[in-house]
Protein backbone atom coordinates (compact mmCIF):
# COMPACT_ATOMS: atom_id res chain seq x y z
CA MET A 1 0.00 0.00 0.00
CA ARG A 2 1.31 3.43 -0.79
CA ALA A 3 -0.18 6.78 0.04
CA LEU A 4 0.56 9.66 -2.28
CA ASP A 5 0.91 13.20 -0.94
CA ASP A 6 -2.54 14.43 -2.00
CA SER A 7 -4.56 11.35 -1.02
CA ILE A 8 -6.14 12.93 2.08
CA SER A 9 -8.67 15.15 0.32
CA GLN A 10 -9.23 14.10 -3.25
CA ARG A 11 -11.92 15.30 -5.58
CA ALA A 12 -14.23 12.95 -7.38
CA VAL A 13 -16.01 14.48 -10.31
CA HIS A 14 -19.27 12.93 -11.35
CA SER A 15 -22.23 13.85 -13.49
CA GLN A 16 -25.44 14.43 -11.60
CA LEU A 17 -28.66 14.92 -13.57
CA GLY A 18 -26.69 16.18 -16.55
CA SER A 19 -24.78 18.86 -14.63
CA LEU A 20 -21.19 18.55 -13.41
CA ALA A 21 -20.91 18.34 -9.63
CA GLU A 22 -17.74 18.16 -7.55
CA THR A 23 -17.60 16.22 -4.29
CA ILE A 24 -14.71 15.67 -1.88
CA VAL A 25 -13.95 11.96 -1.58
CA LYS A 26 -11.09 10.66 0.55
CA PHE A 27 -9.19 7.75 -0.94
CA GLU A 28 -5.78 6.14 -0.98
CA ILE A 29 -4.06 4.57 -3.98
CA VAL A 30 -3.22 0.90 -3.35
CA GLY A 31 -0.43 -0.52 -5.52
CA ALA A 32 0.77 0.76 -8.86
CA ILE A 33 -0.99 3.04 -11.34
CA GLU A 34 -1.42 1.14 -14.62
CA ASN A 35 -1.89 2.33 -18.22
CA GLN A 36 -0.48 5.78 -17.48
CA LYS A 37 -0.99 8.27 -20.30
CA THR A 38 -0.28 11.97 -20.73
CA PHE A 39 -3.20 13.78 -22.35
CA ALA A 40 -2.21 17.44 -21.94
CA THR A 41 1.06 19.36 -21.53
CA GLY A 42 2.11 22.96 -20.89
CA SER A 43 -0.33 25.62 -22.05
CA ALA A 44 -2.92 22.97 -23.01
CA ILE A 45 -3.54 22.60 -19.25
CA ARG A 46 -6.10 25.18 -18.14
CA GLU A 47 -4.73 25.25 -14.60
CA VAL A 48 -1.03 25.53 -15.49
CA ASN A 49 -0.60 29.04 -14.03
CA ARG A 50 -2.16 27.97 -10.72
CA LEU A 51 0.06 24.86 -10.61
CA LYS A 52 3.18 26.99 -11.20
CA ARG A 53 2.13 29.45 -8.50
CA ILE A 54 1.42 26.75 -5.88
CA TYR A 55 4.04 24.09 -6.64
CA GLY A 56 6.67 25.89 -8.73
CA LYS A 57 7.83 26.01 -12.32
CA GLY A 58 8.19 22.74 -14.11
CA ARG A 59 7.20 20.85 -17.22
CA TRP A 60 3.59 20.25 -16.17
CA ARG A 61 1.62 17.35 -17.63
CA LYS A 62 -1.95 16.21 -17.04
CA ARG A 63 -1.99 12.42 -16.78
CA LYS A 64 -4.43 9.58 -16.29
CA GLY A 65 -4.27 5.92 -15.35
CA ILE A 66 -6.05 2.99 -13.75
CA ALA A 67 -5.52 2.13 -10.08
CA THR A 68 -7.03 0.26 -7.19
CA ILE A 69 -8.15 2.76 -4.56
CA ARG A 70 -9.24 2.32 -0.95
CA PHE A 71 -11.96 4.54 0.49
CA ASP A 72 -12.26 5.66 4.14
CA ASP A 73 -14.76 2.87 4.85
CA GLY A 74 -12.13 0.27 3.84
CA SER A 75 -13.75 -0.77 0.55
CA THR A 76 -11.52 -1.04 -2.53
CA ARG A 77 -12.45 -0.38 -6.15
CA ARG A 78 -10.72 0.00 -9.52
CA ALA A 79 -10.94 3.54 -10.86
CA GLU A 80 -9.64 5.87 -13.53
CA ILE A 81 -7.68 8.62 -11.85
CA HIS A 82 -6.27 11.90 -13.18
CA TRP A 83 -3.43 13.98 -11.74
CA TYR A 84 -0.90 16.70 -12.56
CA GLU A 85 2.80 15.85 -12.69
CA ALA A 86 6.05 17.76 -13.21
CA THR A 87 9.64 16.52 -13.24
CA GLY A 88 11.34 17.37 -9.96
CA ILE A 89 8.02 18.23 -8.31
CA GLY A 90 6.12 14.95 -8.50
CA LYS A 91 2.49 13.92 -8.76
CA LYS A 92 -0.11 16.36 -7.40
CA GLU A 93 -3.88 16.70 -7.01
CA PHE A 94 -5.22 13.22 -7.70
CA LYS A 95 -8.85 13.04 -8.82
CA MET A 96 -11.00 9.97 -9.16
CA LYS A 97 -12.90 10.25 -12.43
CA TYR A 98 -14.71 6.93 -12.94
CA LEU A 99 -15.25 3.72 -11.01
CA LEU A 100 -14.54 0.79 -13.32
CA ASP A 101 -16.03 -2.13 -11.39
């Protein structure tokens, strides 16, 4: 089991009656993140200025992958997760996007 630095208060984004709602969901990543892919870099990331201000300058990438996550109640599920990552800074702001099982 490994806990990543932003696992305490993660955001899960889900669609609710056709509108986008954001809810805080606490989870911990268990094991490795599989099928990691970069889907946005640099200025293609809407939040890049905020990331630079909070965490520092770096080559920011928005990434996604599949992982097993454990919720506060102890249940585990497979989910697609998204996060921001920069060399020398690390992985930040994990978000659970979809439950897969």
